[in-house]
Amino acid sequence: MNAGRQIFREQWTRSLTKAVTYRVLILILDFTSVYLLTGRTEIALGFMLISNIYTSAAYYVHERVWNRTNWGKKK
């Protein structure tokens, strides 16, 4: 059926770029929501930095694991 079709495999640089751009968006959302709740810039910045360090690493690992999984991909 799809004789000439190639399987798409994402390069690590694409995964990293996706993770970084997603993190920028999350940094903005984290800062804004915590600032609106507390009214304190230093608390919002602290939360934003700490939470985004460990969640960035987790997101990257999650992307790489899913890239190696063939589930849901058509051959």
PDB file of N, CA and C in Angstrom:
ATOM      1  N   MET A   1       0.805  -1.202   0.000  1.00  0.00           N
ATOM      2  CA  MET A   1       0.000   0.000   0.000  1.00  0.00           C
ATOM      3  C   MET A   1       0.850   1.270   0.000  1.00  0.00           C
ATOM      4  N   ASN A   2       1.690   1.434   1.003  1.00  0.00           N
ATOM      5  CA  ASN A   2       2.567   2.599   1.121  1.00  0.00           C
ATOM      6  C   ASN A   2       4.010   2.174   0.876  1.00  0.00           C
ATOM      7  N   ALA A   3       4.276   1.565  -0.256  1.00  0.00           N
ATOM      8  CA  ALA A   3       5.578   0.956  -0.539  1.00  0.00           C
ATOM      9  C   ALA A   3       6.745   1.931  -0.440  1.00  0.00           C
ATOM     10  N   GLY A   4       6.602   3.150  -0.964  1.00  0.00           N
ATOM     11  CA  GLY A   4       7.702   4.097  -0.975  1.00  0.00           C
ATOM     12  C   GLY A   4       7.746   5.018   0.225  1.00  0.00           C
ATOM     13  N   ARG A   5       6.875   4.814   1.177  1.00  0.00           N
ATOM     14  CA  ARG A   5       6.778   5.719   2.323  1.00  0.00           C
ATOM     15  C   ARG A   5       7.883   5.444   3.344  1.00  0.00           C
ATOM     16  N   GLN A   6       8.522   6.511   3.827  1.00  0.00           N
ATOM     17  CA  GLN A   6       9.575   6.383   4.828  1.00  0.00           C
ATOM     18  C   GLN A   6       9.002   6.638   6.208  1.00  0.00           C
ATOM     19  N   ILE A   7       9.611   6.016   7.200  1.00  0.00           N
ATOM     20  CA  ILE A   7       9.205   6.244   8.582  1.00  0.00           C
ATOM     21  C   ILE A   7       9.934   7.477   9.090  1.00  0.00           C
ATOM     22  N   PHE A   8       9.192   8.420   9.629  1.00  0.00           N
ATOM     23  CA  PHE A   8       9.758   9.643  10.177  1.00  0.00           C
ATOM     24  C   PHE A   8      10.381   9.354  11.535  1.00  0.00           C
ATOM     25  N   ARG A   9      11.625   9.730  11.689  1.00  0.00           N
ATOM     26  CA  ARG A   9      12.301   9.602  12.978  1.00  0.00           C
ATOM     27  C   ARG A   9      12.851  10.974  13.346  1.00  0.00           C
ATOM     28  N   GLU A  10      12.424  11.461  14.470  1.00  0.00           N
ATOM     29  CA  GLU A  10      12.799  12.799  14.890  1.00  0.00           C
ATOM     30  C   GLU A  10      14.233  12.831  15.406  1.00  0.00           C
ATOM     31  N   GLN A  11      15.011  13.821  14.960  1.00  0.00           N
ATOM     32  CA  GLN A  11      16.381  13.990  15.438  1.00  0.00           C
ATOM     33  C   GLN A  11      16.370  14.611  16.824  1.00  0.00           C
ATOM     34  N   TRP A  12      17.445  14.392  17.567  1.00  0.00           N
ATOM     35  CA  TRP A  12      17.523  14.915  18.928  1.00  0.00           C
ATOM     36  C   TRP A  12      17.482  16.439  18.939  1.00  0.00           C
ATOM     37  N   THR A  13      18.002  17.085  17.894  1.00  0.00           N
ATOM     38  CA  THR A  13      17.991  18.552  17.859  1.00  0.00           C
ATOM     39  C   THR A  13      16.566  19.087  17.734  1.00  0.00           C
ATOM     40  N   ARG A  14      15.720  18.387  16.987  1.00  0.00           N
ATOM     41  CA  ARG A  14      14.314  18.789  16.875  1.00  0.00           C
ATOM     42  C   ARG A  14      13.616  18.637  18.230  1.00  0.00           C
ATOM     43  N   SER A  15      13.861  17.516  18.901  1.00  0.00           N
ATOM     44  CA  SER A  15      13.265  17.304  20.226  1.00  0.00           C
ATOM     45  C   SER A  15      13.715  18.386  21.206  1.00  0.00           C
ATOM     46  N   LEU A  16      15.002  18.717  21.162  1.00  0.00           N
ATOM     47  CA  LEU A  16      15.523  19.742  22.061  1.00  0.00           C
ATOM     48  C   LEU A  16      14.917  21.112  21.750  1.00  0.00           C
ATOM     49  N   THR A  17      14.807  21.453  20.477  1.00  0.00           N
ATOM     50  CA  THR A  17      14.210  22.733  20.087  1.00  0.00           C
ATOM     51  C   THR A  17      12.751  22.816  20.521  1.00  0.00           C
ATOM     52  N   LYS A  18      12.013  21.736  20.340  1.00  0.00           N
ATOM     53  CA  LYS A  18      10.624  21.704  20.782  1.00  0.00           C
ATOM     54  C   LYS A  18      10.534  21.886  22.295  1.00  0.00           C
ATOM     55  N   ALA A  19      11.436  21.230  23.026  1.00  0.00           N
ATOM     56  CA  ALA A  19      11.429  21.344  24.483  1.00  0.00           C
ATOM     57  C   ALA A  19      11.726  22.774  24.927  1.00  0.00           C
ATOM     58  N   VAL A  20      12.700  23.413  24.288  1.00  0.00           N
ATOM     59  CA  VAL A  20      13.079  24.780  24.668  1.00  0.00           C
ATOM     60  C   VAL A  20      11.948  25.767  24.374  1.00  0.00           C
ATOM     61  N   THR A  21      11.358  25.690  23.180  1.00  0.00           N
ATOM     62  CA  THR A  21      10.284  26.635  22.850  1.00  0.00           C
ATOM     63  C   THR A  21       9.058  26.413  23.736  1.00  0.00           C
ATOM     64  N   TYR A  22       8.774  25.160  24.060  1.00  0.00           N
ATOM     65  CA  TYR A  22       7.667  24.867  24.974  1.00  0.00           C
ATOM     66  C   TYR A  22       7.965  25.435  26.360  1.00  0.00           C
ATOM     67  N   ARG A  23       9.199  25.292  26.797  1.00  0.00           N
ATOM     68  CA  ARG A  23       9.582  25.803  28.115  1.00  0.00           C
ATOM     69  C   ARG A  23       9.467  27.317  28.196  1.00  0.00           C
ATOM     70  N   VAL A  24       9.805  28.025  27.139  1.00  0.00           N
ATOM     71  CA  VAL A  24       9.657  29.489  27.137  1.00  0.00           C
ATOM     72  C   VAL A  24       8.199  29.852  27.383  1.00  0.00           C
ATOM     73  N   LEU A  25       7.305  29.169  26.692  1.00  0.00           N
ATOM     74  CA  LEU A  25       5.878  29.407  26.904  1.00  0.00           C
ATOM     75  C   LEU A  25       5.482  29.111  28.343  1.00  0.00           C
ATOM     76  N   ILE A  26       5.947  28.003  28.892  1.00  0.00           N
ATOM     77  CA  ILE A  26       5.607  27.629  30.259  1.00  0.00           C
ATOM     78  C   ILE A  26       6.216  28.599  31.270  1.00  0.00           C
ATOM     79  N   LEU A  27       7.426  29.093  31.008  1.00  0.00           N
ATOM     80  CA  LEU A  27       8.034  30.096  31.896  1.00  0.00           C
ATOM     81  C   LEU A  27       7.122  31.317  32.028  1.00  0.00           C
ATOM     82  N   ILE A  28       6.628  31.778  30.907  1.00  0.00           N
ATOM     83  CA  ILE A  28       5.747  32.948  30.902  1.00  0.00           C
ATOM     84  C   ILE A  28       4.461  32.655  31.670  1.00  0.00           C
ATOM     85  N   LEU A  29       3.868  31.506  31.398  1.00  0.00           N
ATOM     86  CA  LEU A  29       2.623  31.145  32.084  1.00  0.00           C
ATOM     87  C   LEU A  29       2.826  30.935  33.579  1.00  0.00           C
ATOM     88  N   ASP A  30       3.926  30.265  33.970  1.00  0.00           N
ATOM     89  CA  ASP A  30       4.215  30.049  35.390  1.00  0.00           C
ATOM     90  C   ASP A  30       4.402  31.375  36.122  1.00  0.00           C
ATOM     91  N   PHE A  31       5.232  32.226  35.550  1.00  0.00           N
ATOM     92  CA  PHE A  31       5.479  33.515  36.198  1.00  0.00           C
ATOM     93  C   PHE A  31       4.177  34.300  36.353  1.00  0.00           C
ATOM     94  N   THR A  32       3.414  34.382  35.281  1.00  0.00           N
ATOM     95  CA  THR A  32       2.174  35.164  35.307  1.00  0.00           C
ATOM     96  C   THR A  32       1.190  34.636  36.333  1.00  0.00           C
ATOM     97  N   SER A  33       0.973  33.330  36.354  1.00  0.00           N
ATOM     98  CA  SER A  33      -0.015  32.777  37.287  1.00  0.00           C
ATOM     99  C   SER A  33       0.419  32.933  38.741  1.00  0.00           C
ATOM    100  N   VAL A  34       1.702  32.668  39.045  1.00  0.00           N
ATOM    101  CA  VAL A  34       2.167  32.803  40.425  1.00  0.00           C
ATOM    102  C   VAL A  34       2.180  34.276  40.838  1.00  0.00           C
ATOM    103  N   TYR A  35       2.561  35.153  39.945  1.00  0.00           N
ATOM    104  CA  TYR A  35       2.541  36.584  40.263  1.00  0.00           C
ATOM    105  C   TYR A  35       1.107  37.063  40.530  1.00  0.00           C
ATOM    106  N   LEU A  36       0.164  36.617  39.730  1.00  0.00           N
ATOM    107  CA  LEU A  36      -1.235  37.013  39.942  1.00  0.00           C
ATOM    108  C   LEU A  36      -1.773  36.483  41.272  1.00  0.00           C
ATOM    109  N   LEU A  37      -1.323  35.313  41.684  1.00  0.00           N
ATOM    110  CA  LEU A  37      -1.773  34.733  42.951  1.00  0.00           C
ATOM    111  C   LEU A  37      -1.109  35.372  44.166  1.00  0.00           C
ATOM    112  N   THR A  38       0.167  35.748  44.041  1.00  0.00           N
ATOM    113  CA  THR A  38       0.911  36.249  45.201  1.00  0.00           C
ATOM    114  C   THR A  38       1.174  37.744  45.160  1.00  0.00           C
ATOM    115  N   GLY A  39       1.265  38.304  43.964  1.00  0.00           N
ATOM    116  CA  GLY A  39       1.618  39.712  43.833  1.00  0.00           C
ATOM    117  C   GLY A  39       3.087  39.983  44.123  1.00  0.00           C
ATOM    118  N   ARG A  40       3.895  38.931  44.204  1.00  0.00           N
ATOM    119  CA  ARG A  40       5.312  39.081  44.548  1.00  0.00           C
ATOM    120  C   ARG A  40       6.196  38.541  43.438  1.00  0.00           C
ATOM    121  N   THR A  41       7.005  39.427  42.891  1.00  0.00           N
ATOM    122  CA  THR A  41       7.881  39.079  41.786  1.00  0.00           C
ATOM    123  C   THR A  41       8.906  38.024  42.175  1.00  0.00           C
ATOM    124  N   GLU A  42       9.518  38.163  43.373  1.00  0.00           N
ATOM    125  CA  GLU A  42      10.565  37.219  43.769  1.00  0.00           C
ATOM    126  C   GLU A  42      10.026  35.801  43.951  1.00  0.00           C
ATOM    127  N   ILE A  43       8.820  35.653  44.441  1.00  0.00           N
ATOM    128  CA  ILE A  43       8.219  34.323  44.583  1.00  0.00           C
ATOM    129  C   ILE A  43       7.913  33.744  43.203  1.00  0.00           C
ATOM    130  N   ALA A  44       7.364  34.564  42.324  1.00  0.00           N
ATOM    131  CA  ALA A  44       7.034  34.104  40.972  1.00  0.00           C
ATOM    132  C   ALA A  44       8.293  33.689  40.221  1.00  0.00           C
ATOM    133  N   LEU A  45       9.362  34.472  40.332  1.00  0.00           N
ATOM    134  CA  LEU A  45      10.626  34.131  39.667  1.00  0.00           C
ATOM    135  C   LEU A  45      11.233  32.848  40.226  1.00  0.00           C
ATOM    136  N   GLY A  46      11.221  32.717  41.552  1.00  0.00           N
ATOM    137  CA  GLY A  46      11.768  31.517  42.190  1.00  0.00           C
ATOM    138  C   GLY A  46      11.026  30.265  41.759  1.00  0.00           C
ATOM    139  N   PHE A  47       9.713  30.318  41.793  1.00  0.00           N
ATOM    140  CA  PHE A  47       8.918  29.159  41.367  1.00  0.00           C
ATOM    141  C   PHE A  47       9.174  28.855  39.907  1.00  0.00           C
ATOM    142  N   MET A  48       9.177  29.885  39.090  1.00  0.00           N
ATOM    143  CA  MET A  48       9.362  29.730  37.658  1.00  0.00           C
ATOM    144  C   MET A  48      10.690  29.034  37.355  1.00  0.00           C
ATOM    145  N   LEU A  49      11.757  29.463  37.984  1.00  0.00           N
ATOM    146  CA  LEU A  49      13.081  28.894  37.711  1.00  0.00           C
ATOM    147  C   LEU A  49      13.207  27.450  38.189  1.00  0.00           C
ATOM    148  N   ILE A  50      12.833  27.196  39.426  1.00  0.00           N
ATOM    149  CA  ILE A  50      12.994  25.854  39.999  1.00  0.00           C
ATOM    150  C   ILE A  50      12.133  24.837  39.271  1.00  0.00           C
ATOM    151  N   SER A  51      10.868  25.156  39.074  1.00  0.00           N
ATOM    152  CA  SER A  51       9.974  24.170  38.451  1.00  0.00           C
ATOM    153  C   SER A  51      10.361  23.890  37.005  1.00  0.00           C
ATOM    154  N   ASN A  52      10.874  24.865  36.326  1.00  0.00           N
ATOM    155  CA  ASN A  52      11.200  24.668  34.918  1.00  0.00           C
ATOM    156  C   ASN A  52      12.528  23.959  34.692  1.00  0.00           C
ATOM    157  N   ILE A  53      13.390  23.927  35.660  1.00  0.00           N
ATOM    158  CA  ILE A  53      14.630  23.168  35.521  1.00  0.00           C
ATOM    159  C   ILE A  53      14.322  21.675  35.474  1.00  0.00           C
ATOM    160  N   TYR A  54      13.586  21.167  36.459  1.00  0.00           N
ATOM    161  CA  TYR A  54      13.339  19.725  36.472  1.00  0.00           C
ATOM    162  C   TYR A  54      12.282  19.295  35.462  1.00  0.00           C
ATOM    163  N   THR A  55      11.319  20.137  35.154  1.00  0.00           N
ATOM    164  CA  THR A  55      10.313  19.741  34.175  1.00  0.00           C
ATOM    165  C   THR A  55      10.863  19.791  32.745  1.00  0.00           C
ATOM    166  N   SER A  56      11.837  20.644  32.482  1.00  0.00           N
ATOM    167  CA  SER A  56      12.477  20.664  31.164  1.00  0.00           C
ATOM    168  C   SER A  56      13.213  19.362  30.900  1.00  0.00           C
ATOM    169  N   ALA A  57      13.946  18.902  31.881  1.00  0.00           N
ATOM    170  CA  ALA A  57      14.663  17.641  31.743  1.00  0.00           C
ATOM    171  C   ALA A  57      13.678  16.483  31.551  1.00  0.00           C
ATOM    172  N   ALA A  58      12.610  16.486  32.307  1.00  0.00           N
ATOM    173  CA  ALA A  58      11.606  15.424  32.187  1.00  0.00           C
ATOM    174  C   ALA A  58      10.934  15.441  30.821  1.00  0.00           C
ATOM    175  N   TYR A  59      10.646  16.610  30.307  1.00  0.00           N
ATOM    176  CA  TYR A  59      10.011  16.719  28.987  1.00  0.00           C
ATOM    177  C   TYR A  59      10.936  16.189  27.895  1.00  0.00           C
ATOM    178  N   TYR A  60      12.195  16.527  27.944  1.00  0.00           N
ATOM    179  CA  TYR A  60      13.150  16.063  26.945  1.00  0.00           C
ATOM    180  C   TYR A  60      13.255  14.535  26.968  1.00  0.00           C
ATOM    181  N   VAL A  61      13.403  13.951  28.148  1.00  0.00           N
ATOM    182  CA  VAL A  61      13.486  12.501  28.267  1.00  0.00           C
ATOM    183  C   VAL A  61      12.197  11.856  27.741  1.00  0.00           C
ATOM    184  N   HIS A  62      11.060  12.415  28.095  1.00  0.00           N
ATOM    185  CA  HIS A  62       9.759  11.914  27.641  1.00  0.00           C
ATOM    186  C   HIS A  62       9.679  11.914  26.118  1.00  0.00           C
ATOM    187  N   GLU A  63      10.115  12.993  25.478  1.00  0.00           N
ATOM    188  CA  GLU A  63      10.119  13.078  24.016  1.00  0.00           C
ATOM    189  C   GLU A  63      11.008  12.023  23.391  1.00  0.00           C
ATOM    190  N   ARG A  64      12.181  11.810  23.947  1.00  0.00           N
ATOM    191  CA  ARG A  64      13.120  10.840  23.382  1.00  0.00           C
ATOM    192  C   ARG A  64      12.600   9.409  23.539  1.00  0.00           C
ATOM    193  N   VAL A  65      11.968   9.114  24.661  1.00  0.00           N
ATOM    194  CA  VAL A  65      11.388   7.784  24.862  1.00  0.00           C
ATOM    195  C   VAL A  65      10.279   7.548  23.841  1.00  0.00           C
ATOM    196  N   TRP A  66       9.394   8.509  23.670  1.00  0.00           N
ATOM    197  CA  TRP A  66       8.310   8.363  22.698  1.00  0.00           C
ATOM    198  C   TRP A  66       8.844   8.279  21.273  1.00  0.00           C
ATOM    199  N   ASN A  67       9.942   8.932  20.977  1.00  0.00           N
ATOM    200  CA  ASN A  67      10.526   8.847  19.641  1.00  0.00           C
ATOM    201  C   ASN A  67      10.990   7.422  19.332  1.00  0.00           C
ATOM    202  N   ARG A  68      11.386   6.676  20.324  1.00  0.00           N
ATOM    203  CA  ARG A  68      11.836   5.297  20.129  1.00  0.00           C
ATOM    204  C   ARG A  68      10.685   4.299  20.114  1.00  0.00           C
ATOM    205  N   THR A  69       9.502   4.753  20.461  1.00  0.00           N
ATOM    206  CA  THR A  69       8.334   3.876  20.520  1.00  0.00           C
ATOM    207  C   THR A  69       7.602   3.902  19.185  1.00  0.00           C
ATOM    208  N   ASN A  70       7.344   2.746  18.635  1.00  0.00           N
ATOM    209  CA  ASN A  70       6.646   2.666  17.355  1.00  0.00           C
ATOM    210  C   ASN A  70       5.129   2.640  17.497  1.00  0.00           C
ATOM    211  N   TRP A  71       4.630   2.548  18.705  1.00  0.00           N
ATOM    212  CA  TRP A  71       3.193   2.494  18.937  1.00  0.00           C
ATOM    213  C   TRP A  71       2.515   3.729  18.340  1.00  0.00           C
ATOM    214  N   GLY A  72       1.484   3.500  17.535  1.00  0.00           N
ATOM    215  CA  GLY A  72       0.750   4.593  16.955  1.00  0.00           C
ATOM    216  C   GLY A  72       1.308   5.128  15.639  1.00  0.00           C
ATOM    217  N   LYS A  73       2.460   4.597  15.207  1.00  0.00           N
ATOM    218  CA  LYS A  73       3.045   5.001  13.932  1.00  0.00           C
ATOM    219  C   LYS A  73       2.637   3.983  12.879  1.00  0.00           C
ATOM    220  N   LYS A  74       2.329   4.469  11.718  1.00  0.00           N
ATOM    221  CA  LYS A  74       2.003   3.567  10.622  1.00  0.00           C
ATOM    222  C   LYS A  74       3.256   3.275   9.826  1.00  0.00           C
ATOM    223  N   LYS A  75       3.376   2.038   9.388  1.00  0.00           N
ATOM    224  CA  LYS A  75       4.540   1.641   8.580  1.00  0.00           C
ATOM    225  C   LYS A  75       4.197   1.755   7.117  1.00  0.00           C
TER     226      LYS A  75
END
